[in-house]
């Protein structure tokens, strides 16, 4: 018998998990729907152009926050001795138990959040597109060069213009949360957030320090590794130049670095779980 992963055994583990945590999961779903509804009431009140910008912020900021809290909540079962013992002693492999948490807190949350957001967005889009604008509002919208109608978020061409860093951070968020939530046993929710911000600041400062060292200039900066850099002219303080890595090398480095980081974080989570084997 396969001791690492067996579909039938994993199915029983998954069914037991949903049975034991049904109330909590339904409560979380209700809070998500309620929070998204309240936030949407404010986000879809402006002009079509403002709504397009606001719902992008809503999708990422609210999505990241809820995803982080939900993931930590699900992983915290392994940070309490009695609850961890009950979970780890179930008749399944450690790999299956980690995959279960990954599936529920990762894929499960993404599917639920995007579905709820798409439904909420469709209602908001209908409201904006069928709204009666006053002459002053129409003049303002026309002056801004905005369209009078908008499309749903996931089919809007504006969505494709979202900075790549936001999608990259989304891809890293769950792997990072799983790894460090298993490393930090106490005060997990605030401490992992502090570690995340500290690493972001260290990454920014370290990346710019490396750029200064490589170029010999203290007037160059970049938001993230392998991203475009902005250099200030040594002659004219108001003259800036943008420096980018050649394609496709730039994207290859970004994707390779991101994939390696995600793999290492998930491996770290698995190793930490193995250490708690009872």
C-alpha atoms as a PDB file:
ATOM      1  CA  UNK A   1       0.000   0.000   0.000  1.00  0.00           C
ATOM      2  CA  UNK A   2       1.187   3.511  -0.843  1.00  0.00           C
ATOM      3  CA  UNK A   3       2.228   5.085   2.460  1.00  0.00           C
ATOM      4  CA  UNK A   4       2.691   8.582   1.006  1.00  0.00           C
ATOM      5  CA  UNK A   5      -0.558   9.395  -0.781  1.00  0.00           C
ATOM      6  CA  UNK A   6      -3.660   7.319  -1.369  1.00  0.00           C
ATOM      7  CA  UNK A   7      -6.783   8.861  -2.893  1.00  0.00           C
ATOM      8  CA  UNK A   8      -9.272   6.835  -0.835  1.00  0.00           C
ATOM      9  CA  UNK A   9      -7.456   7.540   2.432  1.00  0.00           C
ATOM     10  CA  UNK A  10      -7.104  11.230   1.600  1.00  0.00           C
ATOM     11  CA  UNK A  11     -10.806  11.385   0.777  1.00  0.00           C
ATOM     12  CA  UNK A  12     -11.696  10.023   4.214  1.00  0.00           C
ATOM     13  CA  UNK A  13      -9.335  12.540   5.835  1.00  0.00           C
ATOM     14  CA  UNK A  14     -10.888  15.380   3.859  1.00  0.00           C
ATOM     15  CA  UNK A  15     -14.437  14.293   4.722  1.00  0.00           C
ATOM     16  CA  UNK A  16     -13.598  14.086   8.426  1.00  0.00           C
ATOM     17  CA  UNK A  17     -11.973  17.521   8.325  1.00  0.00           C
ATOM     18  CA  UNK A  18     -15.058  19.157   6.813  1.00  0.00           C
ATOM     19  CA  UNK A  19     -17.333  17.312   9.234  1.00  0.00           C
ATOM     20  CA  UNK A  20     -15.346  18.425  12.287  1.00  0.00           C
ATOM     21  CA  UNK A  21     -14.864  22.019  11.109  1.00  0.00           C
ATOM     22  CA  UNK A  22     -18.115  22.623   9.244  1.00  0.00           C
ATOM     23  CA  UNK A  23     -19.364  25.296  11.636  1.00  0.00           C
ATOM     24  CA  UNK A  24     -16.113  27.241  11.615  1.00  0.00           C
ATOM     25  CA  UNK A  25     -15.794  27.108   7.830  1.00  0.00           C
ATOM     26  CA  UNK A  26     -19.383  28.292   7.337  1.00  0.00           C
ATOM     27  CA  UNK A  27     -18.818  31.122   9.814  1.00  0.00           C
ATOM     28  CA  UNK A  28     -15.665  32.162   7.944  1.00  0.00           C
ATOM     29  CA  UNK A  29     -17.550  32.104   4.642  1.00  0.00           C
ATOM     30  CA  UNK A  30     -20.301  34.247   6.169  1.00  0.00           C
ATOM     31  CA  UNK A  31     -17.786  36.784   7.478  1.00  0.00           C
ATOM     32  CA  UNK A  32     -16.078  36.902   4.078  1.00  0.00           C
ATOM     33  CA  UNK A  33     -19.360  37.502   2.249  1.00  0.00           C
ATOM     34  CA  UNK A  34     -20.441  40.149   4.775  1.00  0.00           C
ATOM     35  CA  UNK A  35     -17.095  41.960   4.722  1.00  0.00           C
ATOM     36  CA  UNK A  36     -16.953  41.946   0.929  1.00  0.00           C
ATOM     37  CA  UNK A  37     -20.519  43.250   0.707  1.00  0.00           C
ATOM     38  CA  UNK A  38     -19.809  46.141   3.087  1.00  0.00           C
ATOM     39  CA  UNK A  39     -16.571  47.035   1.287  1.00  0.00           C
ATOM     40  CA  UNK A  40     -18.324  46.876  -2.101  1.00  0.00           C
ATOM     41  CA  UNK A  41     -20.998  49.323  -0.968  1.00  0.00           C
ATOM     42  CA  UNK A  42     -18.271  51.972  -0.674  1.00  0.00           C
ATOM     43  CA  UNK A  43     -16.081  50.807  -3.586  1.00  0.00           C
ATOM     44  CA  UNK A  44     -18.832  51.017  -6.236  1.00  0.00           C
ATOM     45  CA  UNK A  45     -20.140  54.478  -5.318  1.00  0.00           C
ATOM     46  CA  UNK A  46     -17.726  56.507  -7.448  1.00  0.00           C
ATOM     47  CA  UNK A  47     -17.369  57.152 -11.168  1.00  0.00           C
ATOM     48  CA  UNK A  48     -16.637  54.213 -13.505  1.00  0.00           C
ATOM     49  CA  UNK A  49     -12.934  55.111 -13.599  1.00  0.00           C
ATOM     50  CA  UNK A  50     -12.712  55.347  -9.828  1.00  0.00           C
ATOM     51  CA  UNK A  51     -14.573  52.050  -9.434  1.00  0.00           C
ATOM     52  CA  UNK A  52     -12.096  50.342 -11.759  1.00  0.00           C
ATOM     53  CA  UNK A  53      -9.225  51.453  -9.543  1.00  0.00           C
ATOM     54  CA  UNK A  54     -10.978  50.796  -6.241  1.00  0.00           C
ATOM     55  CA  UNK A  55     -12.063  47.252  -7.005  1.00  0.00           C
ATOM     56  CA  UNK A  56      -8.464  46.336  -7.882  1.00  0.00           C
ATOM     57  CA  UNK A  57      -7.432  47.577  -4.445  1.00  0.00           C
ATOM     58  CA  UNK A  58     -10.403  45.746  -2.928  1.00  0.00           C
ATOM     59  CA  UNK A  59      -9.512  42.481  -4.655  1.00  0.00           C
ATOM     60  CA  UNK A  60      -5.888  42.431  -3.531  1.00  0.00           C
ATOM     61  CA  UNK A  61      -5.923  44.157  -0.138  1.00  0.00           C
ATOM     62  CA  UNK A  62      -9.047  42.436   1.165  1.00  0.00           C
ATOM     63  CA  UNK A  63      -8.048  39.171  -0.494  1.00  0.00           C
ATOM     64  CA  UNK A  64      -4.558  39.168   1.001  1.00  0.00           C
ATOM     65  CA  UNK A  65      -5.818  40.054   4.484  1.00  0.00           C
ATOM     66  CA  UNK A  66      -8.567  37.440   4.546  1.00  0.00           C
ATOM     67  CA  UNK A  67      -6.328  34.790   2.982  1.00  0.00           C
ATOM     68  CA  UNK A  68      -3.588  35.380   5.520  1.00  0.00           C
ATOM     69  CA  UNK A  69      -5.945  35.242   8.519  1.00  0.00           C
ATOM     70  CA  UNK A  70      -7.747  32.146   7.219  1.00  0.00           C
ATOM     71  CA  UNK A  71      -4.501  30.305   6.406  1.00  0.00           C
ATOM     72  CA  UNK A  72      -3.040  31.016   9.846  1.00  0.00           C
ATOM     73  CA  UNK A  73      -6.310  29.920  11.442  1.00  0.00           C
ATOM     74  CA  UNK A  74      -6.202  26.554   9.657  1.00  0.00           C
ATOM     75  CA  UNK A  75      -2.488  25.986  10.307  1.00  0.00           C
ATOM     76  CA  UNK A  76      -2.782  26.939  13.978  1.00  0.00           C
ATOM     77  CA  UNK A  77      -4.307  23.546  14.661  1.00  0.00           C
ATOM     78  CA  UNK A  78      -0.727  22.247  14.499  1.00  0.00           C
ATOM     79  CA  UNK A  79       0.589  24.841  16.951  1.00  0.00           C
ATOM     80  CA  UNK A  80      -1.532  23.679  19.892  1.00  0.00           C
ATOM     81  CA  UNK A  81      -0.344  20.475  21.493  1.00  0.00           C
ATOM     82  CA  UNK A  82      -3.677  18.733  22.113  1.00  0.00           C
ATOM     83  CA  UNK A  83      -5.264  19.723  18.801  1.00  0.00           C
ATOM     84  CA  UNK A  84      -2.078  18.844  16.928  1.00  0.00           C
ATOM     85  CA  UNK A  85      -1.930  15.427  18.565  1.00  0.00           C
ATOM     86  CA  UNK A  86      -5.509  14.639  17.556  1.00  0.00           C
ATOM     87  CA  UNK A  87      -4.843  15.774  14.008  1.00  0.00           C
ATOM     88  CA  UNK A  88      -1.460  14.098  13.546  1.00  0.00           C
ATOM     89  CA  UNK A  89      -2.605  10.765  14.976  1.00  0.00           C
ATOM     90  CA  UNK A  90      -5.245  10.315  12.287  1.00  0.00           C
ATOM     91  CA  UNK A  91      -4.702   7.284   9.986  1.00  0.00           C
ATOM     92  CA  UNK A  92      -3.039   9.141   7.127  1.00  0.00           C
ATOM     93  CA  UNK A  93       0.468  10.062   6.056  1.00  0.00           C
ATOM     94  CA  UNK A  94       2.093  13.347   7.073  1.00  0.00           C
ATOM     95  CA  UNK A  95       2.153  14.340   3.415  1.00  0.00           C
ATOM     96  CA  UNK A  96      -1.614  13.842   3.136  1.00  0.00           C
ATOM     97  CA  UNK A  97      -2.173  15.934   6.264  1.00  0.00           C
ATOM     98  CA  UNK A  98      -0.079  18.767   4.837  1.00  0.00           C
ATOM     99  CA  UNK A  99      -1.835  18.530   1.468  1.00  0.00           C
ATOM    100  CA  UNK A 100      -5.186  18.753   3.268  1.00  0.00           C
ATOM    101  CA  UNK A 101      -4.224  22.024   4.970  1.00  0.00           C
ATOM    102  CA  UNK A 102      -2.736  23.312   1.690  1.00  0.00           C
ATOM    103  CA  UNK A 103      -5.925  22.388  -0.179  1.00  0.00           C
ATOM    104  CA  UNK A 104      -8.316  23.972   2.318  1.00  0.00           C
ATOM    105  CA  UNK A 105      -6.337  27.115   3.150  1.00  0.00           C
ATOM    106  CA  UNK A 106      -4.905  27.587  -0.340  1.00  0.00           C
ATOM    107  CA  UNK A 107      -6.939  26.320  -3.289  1.00  0.00           C
ATOM    108  CA  UNK A 108     -10.160  26.247  -1.282  1.00  0.00           C
ATOM    109  CA  UNK A 109      -9.888  29.869  -0.170  1.00  0.00           C
ATOM    110  CA  UNK A 110      -8.914  31.106  -3.650  1.00  0.00           C
ATOM    111  CA  UNK A 111     -11.937  29.393  -5.222  1.00  0.00           C
ATOM    112  CA  UNK A 112     -14.354  30.701  -2.592  1.00  0.00           C
ATOM    113  CA  UNK A 113     -12.969  34.249  -2.574  1.00  0.00           C
ATOM    114  CA  UNK A 114     -12.829  34.629  -6.361  1.00  0.00           C
ATOM    115  CA  UNK A 115     -16.360  33.207  -6.683  1.00  0.00           C
ATOM    116  CA  UNK A 116     -17.774  35.547  -4.027  1.00  0.00           C
ATOM    117  CA  UNK A 117     -15.823  38.494  -5.449  1.00  0.00           C
ATOM    118  CA  UNK A 118     -17.016  37.760  -8.996  1.00  0.00           C
ATOM    119  CA  UNK A 119     -20.632  37.606  -7.798  1.00  0.00           C
ATOM    120  CA  UNK A 120     -20.268  40.814  -5.774  1.00  0.00           C
ATOM    121  CA  UNK A 121     -18.490  42.509  -8.680  1.00  0.00           C
ATOM    122  CA  UNK A 122     -21.232  41.562 -11.136  1.00  0.00           C
ATOM    123  CA  UNK A 123     -23.798  43.238  -8.868  1.00  0.00           C
ATOM    124  CA  UNK A 124     -21.569  46.316  -8.526  1.00  0.00           C
ATOM    125  CA  UNK A 125     -20.980  46.488 -12.298  1.00  0.00           C
ATOM    126  CA  UNK A 126     -24.715  46.328 -12.944  1.00  0.00           C
ATOM    127  CA  UNK A 127     -25.252  49.140 -10.425  1.00  0.00           C
ATOM    128  CA  UNK A 128     -22.585  51.373 -12.004  1.00  0.00           C
ATOM    129  CA  UNK A 129     -23.727  50.713 -15.579  1.00  0.00           C
ATOM    130  CA  UNK A 130     -27.415  51.409 -14.775  1.00  0.00           C
ATOM    131  CA  UNK A 131     -26.844  54.372 -12.511  1.00  0.00           C
ATOM    132  CA  UNK A 132     -28.508  57.699 -13.296  1.00  0.00           C
ATOM    133  CA  UNK A 133     -25.748  60.294 -13.394  1.00  0.00           C
ATOM    134  CA  UNK A 134     -26.401  63.974 -12.788  1.00  0.00           C
ATOM    135  CA  UNK A 135     -25.227  66.483 -15.450  1.00  0.00           C
ATOM    136  CA  UNK A 136     -22.348  67.523 -13.154  1.00  0.00           C
ATOM    137  CA  UNK A 137     -21.261  63.912 -12.701  1.00  0.00           C
ATOM    138  CA  UNK A 138     -21.472  63.270 -16.458  1.00  0.00           C
ATOM    139  CA  UNK A 139     -19.293  66.306 -17.118  1.00  0.00           C
ATOM    140  CA  UNK A 140     -16.760  65.136 -14.534  1.00  0.00           C
ATOM    141  CA  UNK A 141     -16.629  61.610 -15.981  1.00  0.00           C
ATOM    142  CA  UNK A 142     -16.212  62.973 -19.497  1.00  0.00           C
ATOM    143  CA  UNK A 143     -13.513  65.369 -18.308  1.00  0.00           C
ATOM    144  CA  UNK A 144     -11.601  62.461 -16.763  1.00  0.00           C
ATOM    145  CA  UNK A 145     -11.722  60.599 -20.056  1.00  0.00           C
ATOM    146  CA  UNK A 146     -13.448  57.647 -18.404  1.00  0.00           C
ATOM    147  CA  UNK A 147     -15.965  55.343 -20.015  1.00  0.00           C
ATOM    148  CA  UNK A 148     -19.559  55.448 -18.833  1.00  0.00           C
ATOM    149  CA  UNK A 149     -19.753  51.664 -18.523  1.00  0.00           C
ATOM    150  CA  UNK A 150     -17.378  49.103 -17.061  1.00  0.00           C
ATOM    151  CA  UNK A 151     -16.869  45.382 -17.513  1.00  0.00           C
ATOM    152  CA  UNK A 152     -16.643  42.673 -14.831  1.00  0.00           C
ATOM    153  CA  UNK A 153     -13.277  42.554 -13.099  1.00  0.00           C
ATOM    154  CA  UNK A 154     -12.100  39.242 -14.544  1.00  0.00           C
ATOM    155  CA  UNK A 155     -12.870  40.185 -18.164  1.00  0.00           C
ATOM    156  CA  UNK A 156     -11.810  43.835 -17.989  1.00  0.00           C
ATOM    157  CA  UNK A 157      -8.673  44.618 -19.990  1.00  0.00           C
ATOM    158  CA  UNK A 158      -7.574  46.876 -17.111  1.00  0.00           C
ATOM    159  CA  UNK A 159      -7.015  43.747 -14.999  1.00  0.00           C
ATOM    160  CA  UNK A 160      -4.201  42.740 -17.334  1.00  0.00           C
ATOM    161  CA  UNK A 161      -2.419  45.993 -16.485  1.00  0.00           C
ATOM    162  CA  UNK A 162      -2.179  45.159 -12.785  1.00  0.00           C
ATOM    163  CA  UNK A 163       1.496  45.349 -11.708  1.00  0.00           C
ATOM    164  CA  UNK A 164       3.184  41.964 -11.875  1.00  0.00           C
ATOM    165  CA  UNK A 165       4.461  42.447  -8.310  1.00  0.00           C
ATOM    166  CA  UNK A 166       0.902  42.137  -6.970  1.00  0.00           C
ATOM    167  CA  UNK A 167       0.355  38.758  -8.637  1.00  0.00           C
ATOM    168  CA  UNK A 168       3.813  37.602  -7.546  1.00  0.00           C
ATOM    169  CA  UNK A 169       3.100  38.579  -3.943  1.00  0.00           C
ATOM    170  CA  UNK A 170      -0.192  36.677  -4.147  1.00  0.00           C
ATOM    171  CA  UNK A 171       1.616  33.574  -5.362  1.00  0.00           C
ATOM    172  CA  UNK A 172       4.139  33.776  -2.516  1.00  0.00           C
ATOM    173  CA  UNK A 173       1.641  34.654   0.221  1.00  0.00           C
ATOM    174  CA  UNK A 174       0.278  31.185   0.932  1.00  0.00           C
ATOM    175  CA  UNK A 175       3.612  29.381   0.747  1.00  0.00           C
ATOM    176  CA  UNK A 176       5.179  31.959   3.053  1.00  0.00           C
ATOM    177  CA  UNK A 177       2.274  31.793   5.512  1.00  0.00           C
ATOM    178  CA  UNK A 178       2.341  27.988   5.673  1.00  0.00           C
ATOM    179  CA  UNK A 179       6.087  27.831   6.252  1.00  0.00           C
ATOM    180  CA  UNK A 180       6.355  30.531   8.898  1.00  0.00           C
ATOM    181  CA  UNK A 181       3.077  29.686  10.630  1.00  0.00           C
ATOM    182  CA  UNK A 182       4.573  26.237  11.297  1.00  0.00           C
ATOM    183  CA  UNK A 183       7.892  27.753  12.402  1.00  0.00           C
ATOM    184  CA  UNK A 184       6.319  30.245  14.822  1.00  0.00           C
ATOM    185  CA  UNK A 185       4.323  28.364  17.453  1.00  0.00           C
ATOM    186  CA  UNK A 186       3.111  31.244  19.641  1.00  0.00           C
ATOM    187  CA  UNK A 187       1.456  34.554  18.701  1.00  0.00           C
ATOM    188  CA  UNK A 188       1.457  33.279  15.136  1.00  0.00           C
ATOM    189  CA  UNK A 189      -0.911  35.818  13.585  1.00  0.00           C
ATOM    190  CA  UNK A 190       0.994  39.005  14.522  1.00  0.00           C
ATOM    191  CA  UNK A 191       4.508  37.532  14.468  1.00  0.00           C
ATOM    192  CA  UNK A 192       4.287  36.092  10.952  1.00  0.00           C
ATOM    193  CA  UNK A 193       2.978  39.453   9.695  1.00  0.00           C
ATOM    194  CA  UNK A 194       5.914  41.223  11.372  1.00  0.00           C
ATOM    195  CA  UNK A 195       8.352  38.742   9.804  1.00  0.00           C
ATOM    196  CA  UNK A 196       6.770  39.317   6.380  1.00  0.00           C
ATOM    197  CA  UNK A 197       7.119  43.104   6.612  1.00  0.00           C
ATOM    198  CA  UNK A 198      10.691  42.770   7.916  1.00  0.00           C
ATOM    199  CA  UNK A 199      11.642  40.532   4.986  1.00  0.00           C
ATOM    200  CA  UNK A 200      10.034  42.922   2.491  1.00  0.00           C
ATOM    201  CA  UNK A 201      11.990  45.851   3.924  1.00  0.00           C
ATOM    202  CA  UNK A 202      15.213  43.801   4.016  1.00  0.00           C
ATOM    203  CA  UNK A 203      14.644  42.683   0.419  1.00  0.00           C
ATOM    204  CA  UNK A 204      14.103  46.279  -0.722  1.00  0.00           C
ATOM    205  CA  UNK A 205      17.144  47.648   1.125  1.00  0.00           C
ATOM    206  CA  UNK A 206      19.354  44.716   0.155  1.00  0.00           C
ATOM    207  CA  UNK A 207      18.350  44.945  -3.498  1.00  0.00           C
ATOM    208  CA  UNK A 208      19.129  48.661  -3.639  1.00  0.00           C
ATOM    209  CA  UNK A 209      22.414  48.159  -1.787  1.00  0.00           C
ATOM    210  CA  UNK A 210      23.383  45.565  -4.408  1.00  0.00           C
ATOM    211  CA  UNK A 211      22.443  47.966  -7.208  1.00  0.00           C
ATOM    212  CA  UNK A 212      24.547  50.726  -5.643  1.00  0.00           C
ATOM    213  CA  UNK A 213      27.494  48.336  -5.331  1.00  0.00           C
ATOM    214  CA  UNK A 214      27.215  47.054  -8.911  1.00  0.00           C
ATOM    215  CA  UNK A 215      26.763  50.455 -10.521  1.00  0.00           C
ATOM    216  CA  UNK A 216      28.836  52.576  -8.156  1.00  0.00           C
ATOM    217  CA  UNK A 217      25.986  55.054  -7.966  1.00  0.00           C
ATOM    218  CA  UNK A 218      23.896  55.994  -4.953  1.00  0.00           C
ATOM    219  CA  UNK A 219      21.171  57.460  -7.154  1.00  0.00           C
ATOM    220  CA  UNK A 220      19.635  54.247  -8.423  1.00  0.00           C
ATOM    221  CA  UNK A 221      16.744  52.326  -6.874  1.00  0.00           C
ATOM    222  CA  UNK A 222      14.387  49.464  -7.644  1.00  0.00           C
ATOM    223  CA  UNK A 223      11.226  48.202  -5.974  1.00  0.00           C
ATOM    224  CA  UNK A 224      12.101  44.505  -6.119  1.00  0.00           C
ATOM    225  CA  UNK A 225      14.836  42.172  -7.410  1.00  0.00           C
ATOM    226  CA  UNK A 226      15.028  41.792 -11.211  1.00  0.00           C
ATOM    227  CA  UNK A 227      12.538  44.653 -11.650  1.00  0.00           C
ATOM    228  CA  UNK A 228      13.199  47.869 -13.539  1.00  0.00           C
ATOM    229  CA  UNK A 229      15.425  50.390 -11.790  1.00  0.00           C
ATOM    230  CA  UNK A 230      15.183  54.175 -11.782  1.00  0.00           C
ATOM    231  CA  UNK A 231      18.447  56.077 -11.987  1.00  0.00           C
ATOM    232  CA  UNK A 232      18.855  59.799 -11.325  1.00  0.00           C
ATOM    233  CA  UNK A 233      21.127  61.778 -13.604  1.00  0.00           C
ATOM    234  CA  UNK A 234      24.353  62.912 -11.870  1.00  0.00           C
ATOM    235  CA  UNK A 235      24.160  66.166 -13.854  1.00  0.00           C
ATOM    236  CA  UNK A 236      20.463  67.103 -13.785  1.00  0.00           C
ATOM    237  CA  UNK A 237      18.676  66.189 -10.547  1.00  0.00           C
ATOM    238  CA  UNK A 238      15.311  66.284 -12.335  1.00  0.00           C
ATOM    239  CA  UNK A 239      16.348  63.880 -15.092  1.00  0.00           C
ATOM    240  CA  UNK A 240      15.615  60.173 -14.526  1.00  0.00           C
ATOM    241  CA  UNK A 241      16.237  57.099 -16.629  1.00  0.00           C
ATOM    242  CA  UNK A 242      14.627  53.684 -16.435  1.00  0.00           C
ATOM    243  CA  UNK A 243      16.918  50.656 -16.617  1.00  0.00           C
ATOM    244  CA  UNK A 244      15.439  47.245 -17.425  1.00  0.00           C
ATOM    245  CA  UNK A 245      16.931  43.819 -17.924  1.00  0.00           C
ATOM    246  CA  UNK A 246      16.679  42.505 -21.502  1.00  0.00           C
ATOM    247  CA  UNK A 247      13.813  40.183 -22.354  1.00  0.00           C
ATOM    248  CA  UNK A 248      13.234  37.288 -22.002  1.00  0.00           C
ATOM    249  CA  UNK A 249      16.039  37.139 -19.402  1.00  0.00           C
ATOM    250  CA  UNK A 250      14.185  39.452 -17.004  1.00  0.00           C
ATOM    251  CA  UNK A 251      11.012  37.354 -16.912  1.00  0.00           C
ATOM    252  CA  UNK A 252      12.973  34.106 -16.755  1.00  0.00           C
ATOM    253  CA  UNK A 253      14.848  35.315 -13.671  1.00  0.00           C
ATOM    254  CA  UNK A 254      11.620  36.485 -12.006  1.00  0.00           C
ATOM    255  CA  UNK A 255       9.745  33.266 -12.689  1.00  0.00           C
ATOM    256  CA  UNK A 256      12.673  31.060 -11.696  1.00  0.00           C
ATOM    257  CA  UNK A 257      13.225  32.989  -8.471  1.00  0.00           C
ATOM    258  CA  UNK A 258       9.525  32.912  -7.596  1.00  0.00           C
ATOM    259  CA  UNK A 259       9.114  29.192  -8.315  1.00  0.00           C
ATOM    260  CA  UNK A 260      12.221  28.294  -6.310  1.00  0.00           C
ATOM    261  CA  UNK A 261      11.018  30.429  -3.387  1.00  0.00           C
ATOM    262  CA  UNK A 262       7.574  28.791  -3.387  1.00  0.00           C
ATOM    263  CA  UNK A 263       9.066  25.280  -3.542  1.00  0.00           C
ATOM    264  CA  UNK A 264      11.517  25.991  -0.710  1.00  0.00           C
ATOM    265  CA  UNK A 265       8.757  27.453   1.471  1.00  0.00           C
ATOM    266  CA  UNK A 266       6.488  24.441   0.975  1.00  0.00           C
ATOM    267  CA  UNK A 267       9.388  22.083   1.636  1.00  0.00           C
ATOM    268  CA  UNK A 268      10.085  24.012   4.848  1.00  0.00           C
ATOM    269  CA  UNK A 269       6.443  23.593   5.872  1.00  0.00           C
ATOM    270  CA  UNK A 270       6.618  19.835   5.218  1.00  0.00           C
ATOM    271  CA  UNK A 271       9.862  19.443   7.183  1.00  0.00           C
ATOM    272  CA  UNK A 272       8.394  21.344  10.130  1.00  0.00           C
ATOM    273  CA  UNK A 273       5.339  19.108  10.050  1.00  0.00           C
ATOM    274  CA  UNK A 274       7.511  15.971   9.963  1.00  0.00           C
ATOM    275  CA  UNK A 275       9.326  17.212  13.072  1.00  0.00           C
ATOM    276  CA  UNK A 276       6.041  17.089  14.956  1.00  0.00           C
ATOM    277  CA  UNK A 277       5.316  13.501  14.026  1.00  0.00           C
ATOM    278  CA  UNK A 278       3.967  11.607  17.021  1.00  0.00           C
END
